[in-house]
Amino acid sequence: MPSEITSQDQLDKIIKLTIEQSGDLITKRSKDKIKLKFRTKKTLFTIKLPLNEAEKLIGELSSKLNVVSL
């Protein structure tokens, strides 16, 4: 069952964990938001962000994680 990320602190920890475990970042776009899914070995973490925030984060992480767009 996926876990929802609710704070910036959680997001920072999940990003570090995903990078350490060579996980994936899966993105799903809608009209006004992007859903980011961080896949680690055990758990799937999700967060919904506005387009501009998500695009910035994806740009920063694209060199560190495998980014998959749905």
PDB file of N, CA and C in Angstrom:
ATOM      1  N   MET A   1       0.842  -1.173   0.000  1.00  0.00           N
ATOM      2  CA  MET A   1       0.000   0.000   0.000  1.00  0.00           C
ATOM      3  C   MET A   1       0.893   1.244   0.000  1.00  0.00           C
ATOM      4  N   PRO A   2       0.652   2.201  -0.892  1.00  0.00           N
ATOM      5  CA  PRO A   2       1.481   3.404  -0.952  1.00  0.00           C
ATOM      6  C   PRO A   2       1.323   4.285   0.284  1.00  0.00           C
ATOM      7  N   SER A   3       2.370   5.012   0.611  1.00  0.00           N
ATOM      8  CA  SER A   3       2.335   5.960   1.721  1.00  0.00           C
ATOM      9  C   SER A   3       2.386   7.374   1.159  1.00  0.00           C
ATOM     10  N   GLU A   4       1.539   8.258   1.680  1.00  0.00           N
ATOM     11  CA  GLU A   4       1.479   9.650   1.230  1.00  0.00           C
ATOM     12  C   GLU A   4       2.498  10.479   1.990  1.00  0.00           C
ATOM     13  N   ILE A   5       3.274  11.268   1.279  1.00  0.00           N
ATOM     14  CA  ILE A   5       4.240  12.184   1.876  1.00  0.00           C
ATOM     15  C   ILE A   5       3.498  13.480   2.179  1.00  0.00           C
ATOM     16  N   THR A   6       3.602  13.963   3.431  1.00  0.00           N
ATOM     17  CA  THR A   6       2.825  15.130   3.823  1.00  0.00           C
ATOM     18  C   THR A   6       3.661  16.353   4.176  1.00  0.00           C
ATOM     19  N   SER A   7       4.970  16.203   4.367  1.00  0.00           N
ATOM     20  CA  SER A   7       5.786  17.349   4.766  1.00  0.00           C
ATOM     21  C   SER A   7       7.086  17.391   3.966  1.00  0.00           C
ATOM     22  N   GLN A   8       7.712  18.542   3.976  1.00  0.00           N
ATOM     23  CA  GLN A   8       8.978  18.722   3.278  1.00  0.00           C
ATOM     24  C   GLN A   8      10.074  17.865   3.909  1.00  0.00           C
ATOM     25  N   ASP A   9      10.048  17.719   5.234  1.00  0.00           N
ATOM     26  CA  ASP A   9      11.042  16.873   5.909  1.00  0.00           C
ATOM     27  C   ASP A   9      10.929  15.423   5.451  1.00  0.00           C
ATOM     28  N   GLN A  10       9.705  14.927   5.363  1.00  0.00           N
ATOM     29  CA  GLN A  10       9.486  13.563   4.886  1.00  0.00           C
ATOM     30  C   GLN A  10       9.998  13.418   3.458  1.00  0.00           C
ATOM     31  N   LEU A  11       9.702  14.413   2.627  1.00  0.00           N
ATOM     32  CA  LEU A  11      10.119  14.367   1.228  1.00  0.00           C
ATOM     33  C   LEU A  11      11.636  14.275   1.124  1.00  0.00           C
ATOM     34  N   ASP A  12      12.354  15.068   1.899  1.00  0.00           N
ATOM     35  CA  ASP A  12      13.816  15.034   1.876  1.00  0.00           C
ATOM     36  C   ASP A  12      14.357  13.656   2.270  1.00  0.00           C
ATOM     37  N   LYS A  13      13.773  13.053   3.316  1.00  0.00           N
ATOM     38  CA  LYS A  13      14.204  11.727   3.761  1.00  0.00           C
ATOM     39  C   LYS A  13      13.927  10.668   2.696  1.00  0.00           C
ATOM     40  N   ILE A  14      12.759  10.734   2.069  1.00  0.00           N
ATOM     41  CA  ILE A  14      12.379   9.753   1.048  1.00  0.00           C
ATOM     42  C   ILE A  14      13.269   9.881  -0.180  1.00  0.00           C
ATOM     43  N   ILE A  15      13.616  11.113  -0.557  1.00  0.00           N
ATOM     44  CA  ILE A  15      14.512  11.304  -1.702  1.00  0.00           C
ATOM     45  C   ILE A  15      15.867  10.666  -1.418  1.00  0.00           C
ATOM     46  N   LYS A  16      16.427  10.908  -0.234  1.00  0.00           N
ATOM     47  CA  LYS A  16      17.713  10.288   0.134  1.00  0.00           C
ATOM     48  C   LYS A  16      17.622   8.770   0.107  1.00  0.00           C
ATOM     49  N   LEU A  17      16.544   8.220   0.685  1.00  0.00           N
ATOM     50  CA  LEU A  17      16.352   6.771   0.727  1.00  0.00           C
ATOM     51  C   LEU A  17      16.236   6.191  -0.679  1.00  0.00           C
ATOM     52  N   THR A  18      15.495   6.858  -1.547  1.00  0.00           N
ATOM     53  CA  THR A  18      15.305   6.369  -2.908  1.00  0.00           C
ATOM     54  C   THR A  18      16.622   6.376  -3.674  1.00  0.00           C
ATOM     55  N   ILE A  19      17.427   7.418  -3.490  1.00  0.00           N
ATOM     56  CA  ILE A  19      18.729   7.491  -4.154  1.00  0.00           C
ATOM     57  C   ILE A  19      19.655   6.396  -3.635  1.00  0.00           C
ATOM     58  N   GLU A  20      19.686   6.185  -2.319  1.00  0.00           N
ATOM     59  CA  GLU A  20      20.542   5.154  -1.726  1.00  0.00           C
ATOM     60  C   GLU A  20      20.188   3.764  -2.228  1.00  0.00           C
ATOM     61  N   GLN A  21      18.898   3.510  -2.414  1.00  0.00           N
ATOM     62  CA  GLN A  21      18.451   2.178  -2.839  1.00  0.00           C
ATOM     63  C   GLN A  21      18.336   2.047  -4.349  1.00  0.00           C
ATOM     64  N   SER A  22      18.836   3.032  -5.089  1.00  0.00           N
ATOM     65  CA  SER A  22      18.753   3.028  -6.558  1.00  0.00           C
ATOM     66  C   SER A  22      17.323   2.812  -7.021  1.00  0.00           C
ATOM     67  N   GLY A  23      16.411   3.548  -6.423  1.00  0.00           N
ATOM     68  CA  GLY A  23      14.997   3.425  -6.753  1.00  0.00           C
ATOM     69  C   GLY A  23      14.624   4.229  -7.981  1.00  0.00           C
ATOM     70  N   ASP A  24      13.321   4.302  -8.236  1.00  0.00           N
ATOM     71  CA  ASP A  24      12.790   4.992  -9.401  1.00  0.00           C
ATOM     72  C   ASP A  24      11.903   6.147  -8.968  1.00  0.00           C
ATOM     73  N   LEU A  25      11.802   7.144  -9.839  1.00  0.00           N
ATOM     74  CA  LEU A  25      10.856   8.237  -9.676  1.00  0.00           C
ATOM     75  C   LEU A  25       9.874   8.135 -10.826  1.00  0.00           C
ATOM     76  N   ILE A  26       8.621   7.886 -10.509  1.00  0.00           N
ATOM     77  CA  ILE A  26       7.575   7.738 -11.508  1.00  0.00           C
ATOM     78  C   ILE A  26       6.712   8.987 -11.452  1.00  0.00           C
ATOM     79  N   THR A  27       6.447   9.598 -12.609  1.00  0.00           N
ATOM     80  CA  THR A  27       5.649  10.818 -12.647  1.00  0.00           C
ATOM     81  C   THR A  27       4.369  10.587 -13.434  1.00  0.00           C
ATOM     82  N   LYS A  28       3.288  11.188 -12.951  1.00  0.00           N
ATOM     83  CA  LYS A  28       2.009  11.135 -13.656  1.00  0.00           C
ATOM     84  C   LYS A  28       1.426  12.540 -13.654  1.00  0.00           C
ATOM     85  N   ARG A  29       1.202  13.084 -14.846  1.00  0.00           N
ATOM     86  CA  ARG A  29       0.738  14.458 -14.978  1.00  0.00           C
ATOM     87  C   ARG A  29      -0.783  14.533 -15.091  1.00  0.00           C
ATOM     88  N   SER A  30      -1.343  15.590 -14.496  1.00  0.00           N
ATOM     89  CA  SER A  30      -2.737  15.956 -14.717  1.00  0.00           C
ATOM     90  C   SER A  30      -2.739  17.422 -15.127  1.00  0.00           C
ATOM     91  N   LYS A  31      -3.886  18.051 -15.211  1.00  0.00           N
ATOM     92  CA  LYS A  31      -3.953  19.431 -15.704  1.00  0.00           C
ATOM     93  C   LYS A  31      -3.174  20.410 -14.831  1.00  0.00           C
ATOM     94  N   ASP A  32      -3.339  20.327 -13.522  1.00  0.00           N
ATOM     95  CA  ASP A  32      -2.750  21.340 -12.651  1.00  0.00           C
ATOM     96  C   ASP A  32      -1.760  20.797 -11.634  1.00  0.00           C
ATOM     97  N   LYS A  33      -1.548  19.489 -11.605  1.00  0.00           N
ATOM     98  CA  LYS A  33      -0.629  18.882 -10.637  1.00  0.00           C
ATOM     99  C   LYS A  33       0.143  17.748 -11.278  1.00  0.00           C
ATOM    100  N   ILE A  34       1.245  17.394 -10.627  1.00  0.00           N
ATOM    101  CA  ILE A  34       2.016  16.214 -11.016  1.00  0.00           C
ATOM    102  C   ILE A  34       2.130  15.331  -9.791  1.00  0.00           C
ATOM    103  N   LYS A  35       1.810  14.061  -9.967  1.00  0.00           N
ATOM    104  CA  LYS A  35       1.946  13.087  -8.881  1.00  0.00           C
ATOM    105  C   LYS A  35       3.300  12.417  -9.027  1.00  0.00           C
ATOM    106  N   LEU A  36       4.106  12.504  -7.983  1.00  0.00           N
ATOM    107  CA  LEU A  36       5.426  11.881  -7.972  1.00  0.00           C
ATOM    108  C   LEU A  36       5.364  10.631  -7.114  1.00  0.00           C
ATOM    109  N   LYS A  37       5.883   9.550  -7.648  1.00  0.00           N
ATOM    110  CA  LYS A  37       5.900   8.279  -6.925  1.00  0.00           C
ATOM    111  C   LYS A  37       7.348   7.845  -6.768  1.00  0.00           C
ATOM    112  N   PHE A  38       7.785   7.719  -5.537  1.00  0.00           N
ATOM    113  CA  PHE A  38       9.151   7.295  -5.235  1.00  0.00           C
ATOM    114  C   PHE A  38       9.123   5.818  -4.874  1.00  0.00           C
ATOM    115  N   ARG A  39       9.737   4.988  -5.720  1.00  0.00           N
ATOM    116  CA  ARG A  39       9.727   3.538  -5.531  1.00  0.00           C
ATOM    117  C   ARG A  39      11.027   3.112  -4.866  1.00  0.00           C
ATOM    118  N   THR A  40      10.932   2.600  -3.629  1.00  0.00           N
ATOM    119  CA  THR A  40      12.084   2.025  -2.953  1.00  0.00           C
ATOM    120  C   THR A  40      11.932   0.508  -2.978  1.00  0.00           C
ATOM    121  N   LYS A  41      12.852  -0.196  -2.354  1.00  0.00           N
ATOM    122  CA  LYS A  41      12.788  -1.659  -2.375  1.00  0.00           C
ATOM    123  C   LYS A  41      11.550  -2.198  -1.678  1.00  0.00           C
ATOM    124  N   LYS A  42      11.105  -1.528  -0.611  1.00  0.00           N
ATOM    125  CA  LYS A  42       9.975  -2.044   0.160  1.00  0.00           C
ATOM    126  C   LYS A  42       8.673  -1.291  -0.056  1.00  0.00           C
ATOM    127  N   THR A  43       8.747   0.017  -0.310  1.00  0.00           N
ATOM    128  CA  THR A  43       7.552   0.841  -0.247  1.00  0.00           C
ATOM    129  C   THR A  43       7.467   1.801  -1.423  1.00  0.00           C
ATOM    130  N   LEU A  44       6.248   2.183  -1.761  1.00  0.00           N
ATOM    131  CA  LEU A  44       5.973   3.221  -2.742  1.00  0.00           C
ATOM    132  C   LEU A  44       5.475   4.445  -1.981  1.00  0.00           C
ATOM    133  N   PHE A  45       6.147   5.575  -2.180  1.00  0.00           N
ATOM    134  CA  PHE A  45       5.761   6.827  -1.545  1.00  0.00           C
ATOM    135  C   PHE A  45       5.241   7.770  -2.613  1.00  0.00           C
ATOM    136  N   THR A  46       4.155   8.484  -2.331  1.00  0.00           N
ATOM    137  CA  THR A  46       3.575   9.393  -3.313  1.00  0.00           C
ATOM    138  C   THR A  46       3.410  10.784  -2.733  1.00  0.00           C
ATOM    139  N   ILE A  47       3.431  11.776  -3.631  1.00  0.00           N
ATOM    140  CA  ILE A  47       3.159  13.164  -3.268  1.00  0.00           C
ATOM    141  C   ILE A  47       2.619  13.866  -4.508  1.00  0.00           C
ATOM    142  N   LYS A  48       1.664  14.781  -4.303  1.00  0.00           N
ATOM    143  CA  LYS A  48       1.128  15.597  -5.384  1.00  0.00           C
ATOM    144  C   LYS A  48       1.655  17.013  -5.207  1.00  0.00           C
ATOM    145  N   LEU A  49       2.247  17.556  -6.281  1.00  0.00           N
ATOM    146  CA  LEU A  49       2.826  18.888  -6.231  1.00  0.00           C
ATOM    147  C   LEU A  49       2.310  19.733  -7.398  1.00  0.00           C
ATOM    148  N   PRO A  50       2.285  21.062  -7.229  1.00  0.00           N
ATOM    149  CA  PRO A  50       1.961  21.940  -8.360  1.00  0.00           C
ATOM    150  C   PRO A  50       2.992  21.769  -9.477  1.00  0.00           C
ATOM    151  N   LEU A  51       2.602  22.122 -10.694  1.00  0.00           N
ATOM    152  CA  LEU A  51       3.460  21.895 -11.859  1.00  0.00           C
ATOM    153  C   LEU A  51       4.854  22.496 -11.710  1.00  0.00           C
ATOM    154  N   ASN A  52       4.946  23.765 -11.291  1.00  0.00           N
ATOM    155  CA  ASN A  52       6.258  24.413 -11.243  1.00  0.00           C
ATOM    156  C   ASN A  52       7.182  23.780 -10.200  1.00  0.00           C
ATOM    157  N   GLU A  53       6.662  23.428  -9.039  1.00  0.00           N
ATOM    158  CA  GLU A  53       7.481  22.764  -8.003  1.00  0.00           C
ATOM    159  C   GLU A  53       7.946  21.392  -8.468  1.00  0.00           C
ATOM    160  N   ALA A  54       7.024  20.636  -9.062  1.00  0.00           N
ATOM    161  CA  ALA A  54       7.345  19.277  -9.503  1.00  0.00           C
ATOM    162  C   ALA A  54       8.384  19.295 -10.623  1.00  0.00           C
ATOM    163  N   GLU A  55       8.235  20.207 -11.587  1.00  0.00           N
ATOM    164  CA  GLU A  55       9.194  20.294 -12.687  1.00  0.00           C
ATOM    165  C   GLU A  55      10.597  20.607 -12.167  1.00  0.00           C
ATOM    166  N   LYS A  56      10.683  21.504 -11.200  1.00  0.00           N
ATOM    167  CA  LYS A  56      11.980  21.859 -10.611  1.00  0.00           C
ATOM    168  C   LYS A  56      12.604  20.646  -9.924  1.00  0.00           C
ATOM    169  N   LEU A  57      11.802  19.917  -9.140  1.00  0.00           N
ATOM    170  CA  LEU A  57      12.288  18.737  -8.422  1.00  0.00           C
ATOM    171  C   LEU A  57      12.703  17.635  -9.388  1.00  0.00           C
ATOM    172  N   ILE A  58      11.923  17.411 -10.435  1.00  0.00           N
ATOM    173  CA  ILE A  58      12.256  16.386 -11.430  1.00  0.00           C
ATOM    174  C   ILE A  58      13.577  16.732 -12.111  1.00  0.00           C
ATOM    175  N   GLY A  59      13.766  18.012 -12.431  1.00  0.00           N
ATOM    176  CA  GLY A  59      15.015  18.449 -13.053  1.00  0.00           C
ATOM    177  C   GLY A  59      16.224  18.180 -12.171  1.00  0.00           C
ATOM    178  N   GLU A  60      16.075  18.415 -10.868  1.00  0.00           N
ATOM    179  CA  GLU A  60      17.173  18.185  -9.932  1.00  0.00           C
ATOM    180  C   GLU A  60      17.483  16.694  -9.767  1.00  0.00           C
ATOM    181  N   LEU A  61      16.441  15.861  -9.798  1.00  0.00           N
ATOM    182  CA  LEU A  61      16.623  14.439  -9.517  1.00  0.00           C
ATOM    183  C   LEU A  61      16.877  13.570 -10.760  1.00  0.00           C
ATOM    184  N   SER A  62      16.700  14.131 -11.943  1.00  0.00           N
ATOM    185  CA  SER A  62      16.814  13.307 -13.149  1.00  0.00           C
ATOM    186  C   SER A  62      18.197  12.693 -13.339  1.00  0.00           C
ATOM    187  N   SER A  63      19.231  13.347 -12.800  1.00  0.00           N
ATOM    188  CA  SER A  63      20.576  12.781 -12.936  1.00  0.00           C
ATOM    189  C   SER A  63      20.876  11.731 -11.866  1.00  0.00           C
ATOM    190  N   LYS A  64      20.090  11.727 -10.792  1.00  0.00           N
ATOM    191  CA  LYS A  64      20.354  10.817  -9.668  1.00  0.00           C
ATOM    192  C   LYS A  64      19.431   9.594  -9.648  1.00  0.00           C
ATOM    193  N   LEU A  65      18.259   9.706 -10.279  1.00  0.00           N
ATOM    194  CA  LEU A  65      17.267   8.630 -10.255  1.00  0.00           C
ATOM    195  C   LEU A  65      16.821   8.303 -11.668  1.00  0.00           C
ATOM    196  N   ASN A  66      16.302   7.103 -11.840  1.00  0.00           N
ATOM    197  CA  ASN A  66      15.666   6.716 -13.080  1.00  0.00           C
ATOM    198  C   ASN A  66      14.259   7.319 -13.084  1.00  0.00           C
ATOM    199  N   VAL A  67      13.986   8.282 -13.974  1.00  0.00           N
ATOM    200  CA  VAL A  67      12.688   8.954 -14.027  1.00  0.00           C
ATOM    201  C   VAL A  67      11.844   8.319 -15.120  1.00  0.00           C
ATOM    202  N   VAL A  68      10.637   7.865 -14.747  1.00  0.00           N
ATOM    203  CA  VAL A  68       9.705   7.242 -15.678  1.00  0.00           C
ATOM    204  C   VAL A  68       8.442   8.095 -15.719  1.00  0.00           C
ATOM    205  N   SER A  69       8.018   8.511 -16.920  1.00  0.00           N
ATOM    206  CA  SER A  69       6.804   9.308 -17.067  1.00  0.00           C
ATOM    207  C   SER A  69       5.672   8.436 -17.567  1.00  0.00           C
ATOM    208  N   LEU A  70       4.525   8.546 -16.912  1.00  0.00           N
ATOM    209  CA  LEU A  70       3.342   7.800 -17.335  1.00  0.00           C
ATOM    210  C   LEU A  70       2.379   8.703 -18.037  1.00  0.00           C
TER     211      LEU A  70
END
